[in-house]
């Protein structure tokens, strides 16, 4: 797992120096990107005092530069990190000490395109197009797009025909600048509202789950196996606190919005950014599941796809069993 940006996120509700916080278990939690509505259950748990209720002092840390989360955990700089199932499986196949233990977001997403120009109307139309994706020029972007092309019935597309552009996570900018025709991997609840707010005429996306790609538009919590054993009681409390926050999000969305807007200082943002905050918040509200478990069958299928698309070595994929990098022990 590579996290991209290390600075504490503003809004810590309980300072370590306060007497009321001295008995709380501190957890340093590294985000996978800048704080956004995908992290709403964490924000609500902080602002509503739910973490403190469960005896936790949780510090949210945005990455300030490229880092390997498991190395930060081993070094004692983090306790827990956010990642996607895709990266968790890839890291496990590289024999990195990673262990996922709770899913807290499940959205939709896949490949972004602008339908207004008429060039792309169905997945098969993406054959040979230029793809923007953070890992470019690695195999990930073409693997996702070509799987969709094949699922749409076009079996003669040369994998080497795709153009590759590294637009990082600025998917909308990559398309609007003309440097790419499509962009992946996008979460619809963020990139579609953002693209609309930035003036893209008709932003749409092809969904992973509808076109043959394992659905990894999810966020999970991970740590190292050693740290998991050391922190197991606290990690169980972390799961329960976030689950309670999820209930509040669904039952009292206006309060959750108040907490989030205050946390991200919406009123200080410019007009376009305020529109993005509004739209992405609304789009993300349904994406928080009550069930934090994930099945072994899901990860078996994901690893098989990674091997089939040459993103993971066949021998490594076969030898990497799900139980070595995922557990439901604290997420029930």
C-alpha atoms as a PDB file:
ATOM      1  CA  UNK A   1       0.000   0.000   0.000  1.00  0.00           C
ATOM      2  CA  UNK A   2       1.338   3.394  -0.994  1.00  0.00           C
ATOM      3  CA  UNK A   3      -0.230   6.384   0.691  1.00  0.00           C
ATOM      4  CA  UNK A   4       0.065   9.579  -1.206  1.00  0.00           C
ATOM      5  CA  UNK A   5       0.243  12.845   0.742  1.00  0.00           C
ATOM      6  CA  UNK A   6       2.153  13.035   7.075  1.00  0.00           C
ATOM      7  CA  UNK A   7       0.029  15.608   8.601  1.00  0.00           C
ATOM      8  CA  UNK A   8      -2.597  15.274  11.334  1.00  0.00           C
ATOM      9  CA  UNK A   9      -6.069  16.191  10.155  1.00  0.00           C
ATOM     10  CA  UNK A  10      -7.594  19.152  11.965  1.00  0.00           C
ATOM     11  CA  UNK A  11     -10.440  18.544  14.352  1.00  0.00           C
ATOM     12  CA  UNK A  12      -8.931  16.349  17.038  1.00  0.00           C
ATOM     13  CA  UNK A  13     -11.703  16.473  19.634  1.00  0.00           C
ATOM     14  CA  UNK A  14      -9.707  15.356  22.633  1.00  0.00           C
ATOM     15  CA  UNK A  15      -6.144  16.563  23.232  1.00  0.00           C
ATOM     16  CA  UNK A  16      -3.704  14.141  24.826  1.00  0.00           C
ATOM     17  CA  UNK A  17      -2.898  16.689  27.512  1.00  0.00           C
ATOM     18  CA  UNK A  18      -6.491  16.819  28.761  1.00  0.00           C
ATOM     19  CA  UNK A  19      -7.123  14.818  31.926  1.00  0.00           C
ATOM     20  CA  UNK A  20     -10.200  13.220  30.365  1.00  0.00           C
ATOM     21  CA  UNK A  21      -8.062  11.722  27.612  1.00  0.00           C
ATOM     22  CA  UNK A  22      -5.274  10.172  29.658  1.00  0.00           C
ATOM     23  CA  UNK A  23      -6.979   6.789  29.965  1.00  0.00           C
ATOM     24  CA  UNK A  24      -7.892   6.508  26.286  1.00  0.00           C
ATOM     25  CA  UNK A  25      -6.089   4.126  23.934  1.00  0.00           C
ATOM     26  CA  UNK A  26      -4.450   6.163  21.181  1.00  0.00           C
ATOM     27  CA  UNK A  27      -4.646   4.921  17.597  1.00  0.00           C
ATOM     28  CA  UNK A  28      -2.884   6.700  14.736  1.00  0.00           C
ATOM     29  CA  UNK A  29      -4.863   6.035  11.583  1.00  0.00           C
ATOM     30  CA  UNK A  30      -3.377   6.849   8.190  1.00  0.00           C
ATOM     31  CA  UNK A  31      -5.763   7.814   5.399  1.00  0.00           C
ATOM     32  CA  UNK A  32      -5.226   6.703   1.813  1.00  0.00           C
ATOM     33  CA  UNK A  33      -5.924  10.194   0.356  1.00  0.00           C
ATOM     34  CA  UNK A  34      -6.920  13.642   1.546  1.00  0.00           C
ATOM     35  CA  UNK A  35      -9.881  13.582   3.933  1.00  0.00           C
ATOM     36  CA  UNK A  36     -13.157  13.425   1.992  1.00  0.00           C
ATOM     37  CA  UNK A  37     -16.704  12.062   2.444  1.00  0.00           C
ATOM     38  CA  UNK A  38     -15.420   8.470   2.121  1.00  0.00           C
ATOM     39  CA  UNK A  39     -14.053   8.981   5.645  1.00  0.00           C
ATOM     40  CA  UNK A  40     -17.355  10.259   7.064  1.00  0.00           C
ATOM     41  CA  UNK A  41     -17.727   7.461   9.629  1.00  0.00           C
ATOM     42  CA  UNK A  42     -14.346   8.437  11.083  1.00  0.00           C
ATOM     43  CA  UNK A  43     -15.282  12.127  11.221  1.00  0.00           C
ATOM     44  CA  UNK A  44     -18.661  11.432  12.830  1.00  0.00           C
ATOM     45  CA  UNK A  45     -17.108   9.088  15.397  1.00  0.00           C
ATOM     46  CA  UNK A  46     -14.697  11.872  16.362  1.00  0.00           C
ATOM     47  CA  UNK A  47     -17.125  14.782  16.359  1.00  0.00           C
ATOM     48  CA  UNK A  48     -19.913  12.920  18.165  1.00  0.00           C
ATOM     49  CA  UNK A  49     -17.606  11.586  20.876  1.00  0.00           C
ATOM     50  CA  UNK A  50     -18.119   7.961  19.856  1.00  0.00           C
ATOM     51  CA  UNK A  51     -14.430   7.105  19.861  1.00  0.00           C
ATOM     52  CA  UNK A  52     -14.090   8.452  23.395  1.00  0.00           C
ATOM     53  CA  UNK A  53     -17.175   6.482  24.404  1.00  0.00           C
ATOM     54  CA  UNK A  54     -15.305   3.341  23.342  1.00  0.00           C
ATOM     55  CA  UNK A  55     -12.128   4.394  25.144  1.00  0.00           C
ATOM     56  CA  UNK A  56     -10.229   5.483  22.039  1.00  0.00           C
ATOM     57  CA  UNK A  57      -8.266   8.554  21.018  1.00  0.00           C
ATOM     58  CA  UNK A  58      -8.050   8.332  17.220  1.00  0.00           C
ATOM     59  CA  UNK A  59      -5.733  10.616  15.276  1.00  0.00           C
ATOM     60  CA  UNK A  60      -6.420  10.839  11.543  1.00  0.00           C
ATOM     61  CA  UNK A  61      -3.290  11.400   9.480  1.00  0.00           C
ATOM     62  CA  UNK A  62      -3.243  12.462   5.843  1.00  0.00           C
ATOM     63  CA  UNK A  63      -0.162  11.232   3.967  1.00  0.00           C
ATOM     64  CA  UNK A  64       2.138  14.138   3.097  1.00  0.00           C
ATOM     65  CA  UNK A  65       4.359  12.123   0.772  1.00  0.00           C
ATOM     66  CA  UNK A  66       4.651   8.631  -0.670  1.00  0.00           C
ATOM     67  CA  UNK A  67       4.921   6.041   2.061  1.00  0.00           C
ATOM     68  CA  UNK A  68       4.488   2.331   2.544  1.00  0.00           C
ATOM     69  CA  UNK A  69       1.835   2.020   5.245  1.00  0.00           C
ATOM     70  CA  UNK A  70       3.065  -1.295   6.622  1.00  0.00           C
ATOM     71  CA  UNK A  71       6.551   0.180   7.041  1.00  0.00           C
ATOM     72  CA  UNK A  72       5.087   3.175   8.882  1.00  0.00           C
ATOM     73  CA  UNK A  73       3.243   0.762  11.183  1.00  0.00           C
ATOM     74  CA  UNK A  74       6.377  -1.326  11.798  1.00  0.00           C
ATOM     75  CA  UNK A  75       8.293   1.900  12.543  1.00  0.00           C
ATOM     76  CA  UNK A  76       5.663   2.883  15.114  1.00  0.00           C
ATOM     77  CA  UNK A  77       4.453   5.947  13.200  1.00  0.00           C
ATOM     78  CA  UNK A  78       1.006   4.493  12.424  1.00  0.00           C
ATOM     79  CA  UNK A  79      -1.180   1.844  14.012  1.00  0.00           C
ATOM     80  CA  UNK A  80      -3.819   1.414  11.310  1.00  0.00           C
ATOM     81  CA  UNK A  81      -4.191   2.530   7.694  1.00  0.00           C
ATOM     82  CA  UNK A  82      -6.952   2.805   5.107  1.00  0.00           C
ATOM     83  CA  UNK A  83      -6.547   0.953   1.828  1.00  0.00           C
ATOM     84  CA  UNK A  84      -8.561  -0.688  -0.948  1.00  0.00           C
ATOM     85  CA  UNK A  85      -8.983  -4.475  -1.299  1.00  0.00           C
ATOM     86  CA  UNK A  86      -7.064  -4.303  -4.590  1.00  0.00           C
ATOM     87  CA  UNK A  87      -3.933  -2.877  -2.975  1.00  0.00           C
ATOM     88  CA  UNK A  88      -4.259  -5.182   0.030  1.00  0.00           C
ATOM     89  CA  UNK A  89      -4.208  -8.261  -2.209  1.00  0.00           C
ATOM     90  CA  UNK A  90      -1.359  -6.905  -4.338  1.00  0.00           C
ATOM     91  CA  UNK A  91       0.754  -6.163  -1.255  1.00  0.00           C
ATOM     92  CA  UNK A  92       0.028  -9.603   0.199  1.00  0.00           C
ATOM     93  CA  UNK A  93       1.193 -11.245  -3.036  1.00  0.00           C
ATOM     94  CA  UNK A  94       4.464  -9.324  -2.646  1.00  0.00           C
ATOM     95  CA  UNK A  95       4.829 -10.960   0.781  1.00  0.00           C
ATOM     96  CA  UNK A  96       4.364  -7.678   2.635  1.00  0.00           C
ATOM     97  CA  UNK A  97       3.159  -7.925   6.261  1.00  0.00           C
ATOM     98  CA  UNK A  98      -0.401  -6.651   5.752  1.00  0.00           C
ATOM     99  CA  UNK A  99      -3.670  -7.713   7.364  1.00  0.00           C
ATOM    100  CA  UNK A 100      -7.063  -6.224   6.557  1.00  0.00           C
ATOM    101  CA  UNK A 101      -9.725  -6.486   9.235  1.00  0.00           C
ATOM    102  CA  UNK A 102     -12.748  -4.266   8.541  1.00  0.00           C
ATOM    103  CA  UNK A 103     -14.559  -2.883   5.499  1.00  0.00           C
ATOM    104  CA  UNK A 104     -16.233   0.471   6.131  1.00  0.00           C
ATOM    105  CA  UNK A 105     -17.098   1.863   2.675  1.00  0.00           C
ATOM    106  CA  UNK A 106     -18.586   0.199  -0.397  1.00  0.00           C
ATOM    107  CA  UNK A 107     -19.363   2.476  -3.325  1.00  0.00           C
ATOM    108  CA  UNK A 108     -19.535   2.045  -7.093  1.00  0.00           C
ATOM    109  CA  UNK A 109     -16.935   3.046  -9.624  1.00  0.00           C
ATOM    110  CA  UNK A 110     -14.665   2.075 -12.455  1.00  0.00           C
ATOM    111  CA  UNK A 111     -13.673   3.963 -15.596  1.00  0.00           C
ATOM    112  CA  UNK A 112     -14.596   7.630 -16.118  1.00  0.00           C
ATOM    113  CA  UNK A 113     -15.358   9.064 -19.567  1.00  0.00           C
ATOM    114  CA  UNK A 114     -17.129  12.068 -21.061  1.00  0.00           C
ATOM    115  CA  UNK A 115     -20.065  10.846 -23.126  1.00  0.00           C
ATOM    116  CA  UNK A 116     -20.612  14.299 -24.637  1.00  0.00           C
ATOM    117  CA  UNK A 117     -17.902  13.938 -27.280  1.00  0.00           C
ATOM    118  CA  UNK A 118     -19.471  10.739 -28.638  1.00  0.00           C
ATOM    119  CA  UNK A 119     -16.188   8.826 -28.925  1.00  0.00           C
ATOM    120  CA  UNK A 120     -17.085   6.319 -26.219  1.00  0.00           C
ATOM    121  CA  UNK A 121     -20.556   4.875 -25.797  1.00  0.00           C
ATOM    122  CA  UNK A 122     -19.807   1.351 -24.565  1.00  0.00           C
ATOM    123  CA  UNK A 123     -16.778  -0.447 -23.063  1.00  0.00           C
ATOM    124  CA  UNK A 124     -15.641  -1.885 -26.399  1.00  0.00           C
ATOM    125  CA  UNK A 125     -15.102   1.683 -27.624  1.00  0.00           C
ATOM    126  CA  UNK A 126     -12.246   2.062 -25.126  1.00  0.00           C
ATOM    127  CA  UNK A 127      -9.968  -0.275 -27.083  1.00  0.00           C
ATOM    128  CA  UNK A 128      -6.749   1.566 -27.942  1.00  0.00           C
ATOM    129  CA  UNK A 129      -7.671   4.704 -26.010  1.00  0.00           C
ATOM    130  CA  UNK A 130      -5.330   6.572 -23.648  1.00  0.00           C
ATOM    131  CA  UNK A 131      -5.927   5.752 -19.987  1.00  0.00           C
ATOM    132  CA  UNK A 132      -5.097   8.000 -17.052  1.00  0.00           C
ATOM    133  CA  UNK A 133      -4.360   6.090 -13.847  1.00  0.00           C
ATOM    134  CA  UNK A 134      -2.099   6.654 -10.806  1.00  0.00           C
ATOM    135  CA  UNK A 135       0.124   3.605 -11.386  1.00  0.00           C
ATOM    136  CA  UNK A 136       0.933   4.430 -15.001  1.00  0.00           C
ATOM    137  CA  UNK A 137       2.833   3.025 -16.847  1.00  0.00           C
ATOM    138  CA  UNK A 138       2.172  -0.121 -14.810  1.00  0.00           C
ATOM    139  CA  UNK A 139      -0.270  -2.842 -15.874  1.00  0.00           C
ATOM    140  CA  UNK A 140      -3.243  -1.798 -13.706  1.00  0.00           C
ATOM    141  CA  UNK A 141      -5.040   0.646 -16.017  1.00  0.00           C
ATOM    142  CA  UNK A 142      -4.987  -1.499 -19.163  1.00  0.00           C
ATOM    143  CA  UNK A 143      -5.912  -4.566 -17.085  1.00  0.00           C
ATOM    144  CA  UNK A 144      -9.099  -2.897 -15.847  1.00  0.00           C
ATOM    145  CA  UNK A 145     -10.081  -1.364 -19.179  1.00  0.00           C
ATOM    146  CA  UNK A 146      -9.277  -4.421 -21.289  1.00  0.00           C
ATOM    147  CA  UNK A 147     -11.258  -6.690 -18.949  1.00  0.00           C
ATOM    148  CA  UNK A 148     -14.269  -4.462 -19.626  1.00  0.00           C
ATOM    149  CA  UNK A 149     -13.594  -4.446 -23.372  1.00  0.00           C
ATOM    150  CA  UNK A 150     -13.502  -8.256 -23.374  1.00  0.00           C
ATOM    151  CA  UNK A 151     -16.679  -8.432 -21.283  1.00  0.00           C
ATOM    152  CA  UNK A 152     -18.368  -6.264 -23.927  1.00  0.00           C
ATOM    153  CA  UNK A 153     -17.537  -8.858 -26.569  1.00  0.00           C
ATOM    154  CA  UNK A 154     -14.498  -7.339 -28.267  1.00  0.00           C
ATOM    155  CA  UNK A 155     -11.899 -10.110 -28.123  1.00  0.00           C
ATOM    156  CA  UNK A 156      -9.305  -8.793 -30.582  1.00  0.00           C
ATOM    157  CA  UNK A 157      -8.092  -5.682 -28.722  1.00  0.00           C
ATOM    158  CA  UNK A 158      -4.305  -5.644 -28.373  1.00  0.00           C
ATOM    159  CA  UNK A 159      -3.295  -4.968 -24.765  1.00  0.00           C
ATOM    160  CA  UNK A 160      -0.362  -2.934 -26.078  1.00  0.00           C
ATOM    161  CA  UNK A 161      -2.671  -0.598 -27.996  1.00  0.00           C
ATOM    162  CA  UNK A 162      -3.606   1.461 -24.945  1.00  0.00           C
ATOM    163  CA  UNK A 163      -1.993   4.792 -24.282  1.00  0.00           C
ATOM    164  CA  UNK A 164      -0.880   5.417 -20.713  1.00  0.00           C
ATOM    165  CA  UNK A 165      -0.904   8.687 -18.824  1.00  0.00           C
ATOM    166  CA  UNK A 166      -0.139   9.257 -15.148  1.00  0.00           C
ATOM    167  CA  UNK A 167      -2.597  11.910 -14.063  1.00  0.00           C
ATOM    168  CA  UNK A 168      -2.307  10.717 -10.463  1.00  0.00           C
ATOM    169  CA  UNK A 169      -5.746  10.933  -8.829  1.00  0.00           C
ATOM    170  CA  UNK A 170      -6.740  14.028 -10.827  1.00  0.00           C
ATOM    171  CA  UNK A 171      -9.009  12.061 -13.139  1.00  0.00           C
ATOM    172  CA  UNK A 172     -11.251  14.939 -14.204  1.00  0.00           C
ATOM    173  CA  UNK A 173      -8.274  17.137 -15.065  1.00  0.00           C
ATOM    174  CA  UNK A 174      -6.741  14.366 -17.181  1.00  0.00           C
ATOM    175  CA  UNK A 175      -9.852  14.144 -19.365  1.00  0.00           C
ATOM    176  CA  UNK A 176     -10.546  17.871 -19.585  1.00  0.00           C
ATOM    177  CA  UNK A 177      -6.938  18.592 -20.583  1.00  0.00           C
ATOM    178  CA  UNK A 178      -7.170  16.090 -23.426  1.00  0.00           C
ATOM    179  CA  UNK A 179      -4.242  14.075 -22.105  1.00  0.00           C
ATOM    180  CA  UNK A 180      -6.419  10.978 -21.666  1.00  0.00           C
ATOM    181  CA  UNK A 181      -9.646   9.574 -23.085  1.00  0.00           C
ATOM    182  CA  UNK A 182     -10.665   7.666 -19.965  1.00  0.00           C
ATOM    183  CA  UNK A 183      -9.525   7.513 -16.346  1.00  0.00           C
ATOM    184  CA  UNK A 184      -9.458   4.798 -13.727  1.00  0.00           C
ATOM    185  CA  UNK A 185      -9.896   3.922 -10.905  1.00  0.00           C
ATOM    186  CA  UNK A 186     -12.680   6.305  -9.954  1.00  0.00           C
ATOM    187  CA  UNK A 187     -15.244   6.218  -7.168  1.00  0.00           C
ATOM    188  CA  UNK A 188     -18.489   7.504  -8.666  1.00  0.00           C
ATOM    189  CA  UNK A 189     -19.534   9.299  -5.468  1.00  0.00           C
ATOM    190  CA  UNK A 190     -16.499  11.576  -5.744  1.00  0.00           C
ATOM    191  CA  UNK A 191     -15.348  11.825  -9.361  1.00  0.00           C
ATOM    192  CA  UNK A 192     -18.768  12.150 -11.034  1.00  0.00           C
ATOM    193  CA  UNK A 193     -19.930  15.078  -8.846  1.00  0.00           C
ATOM    194  CA  UNK A 194     -16.459  16.643  -9.104  1.00  0.00           C
ATOM    195  CA  UNK A 195     -16.459  16.357 -12.888  1.00  0.00           C
ATOM    196  CA  UNK A 196     -19.888  17.997 -13.102  1.00  0.00           C
ATOM    197  CA  UNK A 197     -18.816  20.826 -10.779  1.00  0.00           C
ATOM    198  CA  UNK A 198     -15.724  21.422 -12.932  1.00  0.00           C
ATOM    199  CA  UNK A 199     -17.777  21.710 -16.109  1.00  0.00           C
ATOM    200  CA  UNK A 200     -17.457  18.310 -17.786  1.00  0.00           C
ATOM    201  CA  UNK A 201     -20.475  18.097 -20.082  1.00  0.00           C
ATOM    202  CA  UNK A 202     -21.639  14.509 -19.538  1.00  0.00           C
ATOM    203  CA  UNK A 203     -19.425  12.564 -17.108  1.00  0.00           C
ATOM    204  CA  UNK A 204     -20.258   8.878 -16.906  1.00  0.00           C
ATOM    205  CA  UNK A 205     -18.495   5.704 -15.864  1.00  0.00           C
ATOM    206  CA  UNK A 206     -18.394   2.015 -16.667  1.00  0.00           C
ATOM    207  CA  UNK A 207     -18.861   0.094 -13.422  1.00  0.00           C
ATOM    208  CA  UNK A 208     -16.366  -2.599 -12.431  1.00  0.00           C
ATOM    209  CA  UNK A 209     -19.125  -4.860 -11.125  1.00  0.00           C
ATOM    210  CA  UNK A 210     -21.046  -4.716 -14.418  1.00  0.00           C
ATOM    211  CA  UNK A 211     -18.141  -5.414 -16.769  1.00  0.00           C
ATOM    212  CA  UNK A 212     -16.142  -8.370 -15.463  1.00  0.00           C
ATOM    213  CA  UNK A 213     -13.798  -6.696 -12.974  1.00  0.00           C
ATOM    214  CA  UNK A 214     -13.898  -7.693  -9.285  1.00  0.00           C
ATOM    215  CA  UNK A 215     -15.658  -4.950  -7.346  1.00  0.00           C
ATOM    216  CA  UNK A 216     -12.867  -3.327  -5.344  1.00  0.00           C
ATOM    217  CA  UNK A 217     -14.509   0.095  -5.000  1.00  0.00           C
ATOM    218  CA  UNK A 218     -14.324  -0.355  -1.261  1.00  0.00           C
ATOM    219  CA  UNK A 219     -12.233   0.923   1.633  1.00  0.00           C
ATOM    220  CA  UNK A 220     -10.892  -1.278   4.403  1.00  0.00           C
ATOM    221  CA  UNK A 221      -8.781  -0.914   7.518  1.00  0.00           C
ATOM    222  CA  UNK A 222      -5.444  -2.713   7.664  1.00  0.00           C
ATOM    223  CA  UNK A 223      -2.441  -3.105   9.923  1.00  0.00           C
ATOM    224  CA  UNK A 224       0.410  -5.605  10.230  1.00  0.00           C
ATOM    225  CA  UNK A 225      -0.229  -9.101  11.630  1.00  0.00           C
ATOM    226  CA  UNK A 226       1.973  -8.368  14.675  1.00  0.00           C
ATOM    227  CA  UNK A 227       0.276  -5.060  15.404  1.00  0.00           C
ATOM    228  CA  UNK A 228      -3.128  -6.701  15.002  1.00  0.00           C
ATOM    229  CA  UNK A 229      -2.353  -9.160  17.776  1.00  0.00           C
ATOM    230  CA  UNK A 230      -1.056  -6.375  20.032  1.00  0.00           C
ATOM    231  CA  UNK A 231      -4.033  -4.077  19.425  1.00  0.00           C
ATOM    232  CA  UNK A 232      -6.853  -6.578  18.936  1.00  0.00           C
ATOM    233  CA  UNK A 233      -9.111  -5.290  21.782  1.00  0.00           C
ATOM    234  CA  UNK A 234      -8.665  -1.684  20.626  1.00  0.00           C
ATOM    235  CA  UNK A 235      -9.265  -2.609  16.987  1.00  0.00           C
ATOM    236  CA  UNK A 236     -12.515  -4.327  17.953  1.00  0.00           C
ATOM    237  CA  UNK A 237     -13.559  -1.094  19.674  1.00  0.00           C
ATOM    238  CA  UNK A 238     -12.549   0.851  16.569  1.00  0.00           C
ATOM    239  CA  UNK A 239     -14.830  -1.312  14.420  1.00  0.00           C
ATOM    240  CA  UNK A 240     -17.741  -0.947  16.848  1.00  0.00           C
ATOM    241  CA  UNK A 241     -17.283   2.818  17.140  1.00  0.00           C
ATOM    242  CA  UNK A 242     -17.279   3.246  13.357  1.00  0.00           C
ATOM    243  CA  UNK A 243     -20.322   0.982  13.110  1.00  0.00           C
ATOM    244  CA  UNK A 244     -22.171   3.182  15.596  1.00  0.00           C
ATOM    245  CA  UNK A 245     -21.141   6.239  13.581  1.00  0.00           C
ATOM    246  CA  UNK A 246     -22.501   4.544  10.460  1.00  0.00           C
ATOM    247  CA  UNK A 247     -25.870   4.192  12.189  1.00  0.00           C
ATOM    248  CA  UNK A 248     -25.863   7.902  12.961  1.00  0.00           C
ATOM    249  CA  UNK A 249     -24.998   8.722   9.333  1.00  0.00           C
ATOM    250  CA  UNK A 250     -27.997   6.784   8.054  1.00  0.00           C
ATOM    251  CA  UNK A 251     -30.434   7.872  10.754  1.00  0.00           C
ATOM    252  CA  UNK A 252     -29.380  11.511  11.210  1.00  0.00           C
ATOM    253  CA  UNK A 253     -27.765  12.595   7.916  1.00  0.00           C
ATOM    254  CA  UNK A 254     -28.246  16.316   8.632  1.00  0.00           C
ATOM    255  CA  UNK A 255     -26.230  16.018  11.837  1.00  0.00           C
ATOM    256  CA  UNK A 256     -23.553  14.029   9.986  1.00  0.00           C
ATOM    257  CA  UNK A 257     -23.457  16.795   7.369  1.00  0.00           C
ATOM    258  CA  UNK A 258     -23.063  19.444  10.084  1.00  0.00           C
ATOM    259  CA  UNK A 259     -20.152  17.535  11.578  1.00  0.00           C
ATOM    260  CA  UNK A 260     -18.479  17.029   8.207  1.00  0.00           C
ATOM    261  CA  UNK A 261     -18.881  20.575   6.927  1.00  0.00           C
ATOM    262  CA  UNK A 262     -17.424  21.915  10.171  1.00  0.00           C
ATOM    263  CA  UNK A 263     -14.554  19.414  10.077  1.00  0.00           C
ATOM    264  CA  UNK A 264     -13.488  20.304   6.519  1.00  0.00           C
ATOM    265  CA  UNK A 265     -14.171  24.039   7.014  1.00  0.00           C
ATOM    266  CA  UNK A 266     -16.527  24.188   4.051  1.00  0.00           C
ATOM    267  CA  UNK A 267     -17.302  27.877   4.536  1.00  0.00           C
ATOM    268  CA  UNK A 268     -13.658  28.734   3.863  1.00  0.00           C
ATOM    269  CA  UNK A 269     -13.653  26.976   0.476  1.00  0.00           C
ATOM    270  CA  UNK A 270     -14.199  28.701  -2.872  1.00  0.00           C
ATOM    271  CA  UNK A 271     -17.505  28.375  -4.727  1.00  0.00           C
ATOM    272  CA  UNK A 272     -16.481  25.425  -6.902  1.00  0.00           C
ATOM    273  CA  UNK A 273     -15.013  23.515  -3.980  1.00  0.00           C
ATOM    274  CA  UNK A 274     -18.152  24.150  -1.907  1.00  0.00           C
ATOM    275  CA  UNK A 275     -20.232  22.691  -4.719  1.00  0.00           C
ATOM    276  CA  UNK A 276     -17.981  19.629  -4.801  1.00  0.00           C
ATOM    277  CA  UNK A 277     -18.250  19.216  -1.011  1.00  0.00           C
ATOM    278  CA  UNK A 278     -22.050  19.403  -1.195  1.00  0.00           C
ATOM    279  CA  UNK A 279     -22.420  16.988  -4.095  1.00  0.00           C
ATOM    280  CA  UNK A 280     -19.882  14.409  -2.947  1.00  0.00           C
ATOM    281  CA  UNK A 281     -21.322  14.366   0.575  1.00  0.00           C
ATOM    282  CA  UNK A 282     -24.806  13.632  -0.743  1.00  0.00           C
ATOM    283  CA  UNK A 283     -23.548  10.958  -3.140  1.00  0.00           C
ATOM    284  CA  UNK A 284     -21.521   9.180  -0.439  1.00  0.00           C
ATOM    285  CA  UNK A 285     -24.239   8.868   2.231  1.00  0.00           C
ATOM    286  CA  UNK A 286     -25.523   5.429   1.061  1.00  0.00           C
ATOM    287  CA  UNK A 287     -22.028   3.935   0.802  1.00  0.00           C
ATOM    288  CA  UNK A 288     -21.444   2.948   4.441  1.00  0.00           C
ATOM    289  CA  UNK A 289     -22.279  -0.710   5.138  1.00  0.00           C
ATOM    290  CA  UNK A 290     -23.435  -2.151   8.446  1.00  0.00           C
ATOM    291  CA  UNK A 291     -21.562  -5.388   7.710  1.00  0.00           C
ATOM    292  CA  UNK A 292     -17.796  -4.997   8.048  1.00  0.00           C
ATOM    293  CA  UNK A 293     -16.935  -8.592   7.082  1.00  0.00           C
ATOM    294  CA  UNK A 294     -15.499  -9.680   3.745  1.00  0.00           C
ATOM    295  CA  UNK A 295     -15.548 -13.219   2.360  1.00  0.00           C
ATOM    296  CA  UNK A 296     -12.619 -15.439   1.446  1.00  0.00           C
ATOM    297  CA  UNK A 297     -14.377 -16.146  -1.862  1.00  0.00           C
ATOM    298  CA  UNK A 298     -14.267 -12.450  -2.743  1.00  0.00           C
ATOM    299  CA  UNK A 299     -10.502 -12.261  -2.232  1.00  0.00           C
ATOM    300  CA  UNK A 300      -9.949 -15.575  -4.053  1.00  0.00           C
ATOM    301  CA  UNK A 301     -11.715 -14.122  -7.094  1.00  0.00           C
ATOM    302  CA  UNK A 302      -9.803 -10.849  -6.831  1.00  0.00           C
ATOM    303  CA  UNK A 303      -6.452 -12.649  -6.658  1.00  0.00           C
ATOM    304  CA  UNK A 304      -7.380 -14.870  -9.598  1.00  0.00           C
ATOM    305  CA  UNK A 305      -8.144 -11.768 -11.680  1.00  0.00           C
ATOM    306  CA  UNK A 306      -4.836 -10.178 -10.666  1.00  0.00           C
ATOM    307  CA  UNK A 307      -3.017 -13.316 -11.828  1.00  0.00           C
ATOM    308  CA  UNK A 308      -5.053 -13.602 -15.051  1.00  0.00           C
ATOM    309  CA  UNK A 309      -4.217  -9.996 -15.964  1.00  0.00           C
ATOM    310  CA  UNK A 310      -0.502 -10.398 -15.129  1.00  0.00           C
ATOM    311  CA  UNK A 311      -0.598  -7.918 -12.266  1.00  0.00           C
ATOM    312  CA  UNK A 312       0.498 -10.598  -9.796  1.00  0.00           C
ATOM    313  CA  UNK A 313       2.926 -13.450 -10.417  1.00  0.00           C
ATOM    314  CA  UNK A 314       1.058 -16.737 -10.811  1.00  0.00           C
ATOM    315  CA  UNK A 315       3.116 -18.631  -8.222  1.00  0.00           C
ATOM    316  CA  UNK A 316       2.850 -15.802  -5.686  1.00  0.00           C
ATOM    317  CA  UNK A 317      -0.895 -15.521  -6.215  1.00  0.00           C
ATOM    318  CA  UNK A 318      -1.401 -19.255  -5.741  1.00  0.00           C
ATOM    319  CA  UNK A 319       0.682 -19.367  -2.573  1.00  0.00           C
ATOM    320  CA  UNK A 320      -0.948 -16.311  -0.962  1.00  0.00           C
ATOM    321  CA  UNK A 321      -3.937 -17.596   0.964  1.00  0.00           C
ATOM    322  CA  UNK A 322      -6.688 -15.203   2.044  1.00  0.00           C
ATOM    323  CA  UNK A 323      -6.254 -15.998   5.733  1.00  0.00           C
ATOM    324  CA  UNK A 324      -2.752 -14.506   5.670  1.00  0.00           C
ATOM    325  CA  UNK A 325      -3.993 -11.016   4.736  1.00  0.00           C
ATOM    326  CA  UNK A 326      -7.668 -10.779   5.751  1.00  0.00           C
ATOM    327  CA  UNK A 327      -9.486 -11.604   8.992  1.00  0.00           C
ATOM    328  CA  UNK A 328     -13.066 -11.155  10.220  1.00  0.00           C
ATOM    329  CA  UNK A 329     -11.942 -11.738  13.803  1.00  0.00           C
ATOM    330  CA  UNK A 330     -12.871  -8.223  15.001  1.00  0.00           C
ATOM    331  CA  UNK A 331     -15.355  -7.221  12.290  1.00  0.00           C
ATOM    332  CA  UNK A 332     -18.274  -9.506  13.150  1.00  0.00           C
END
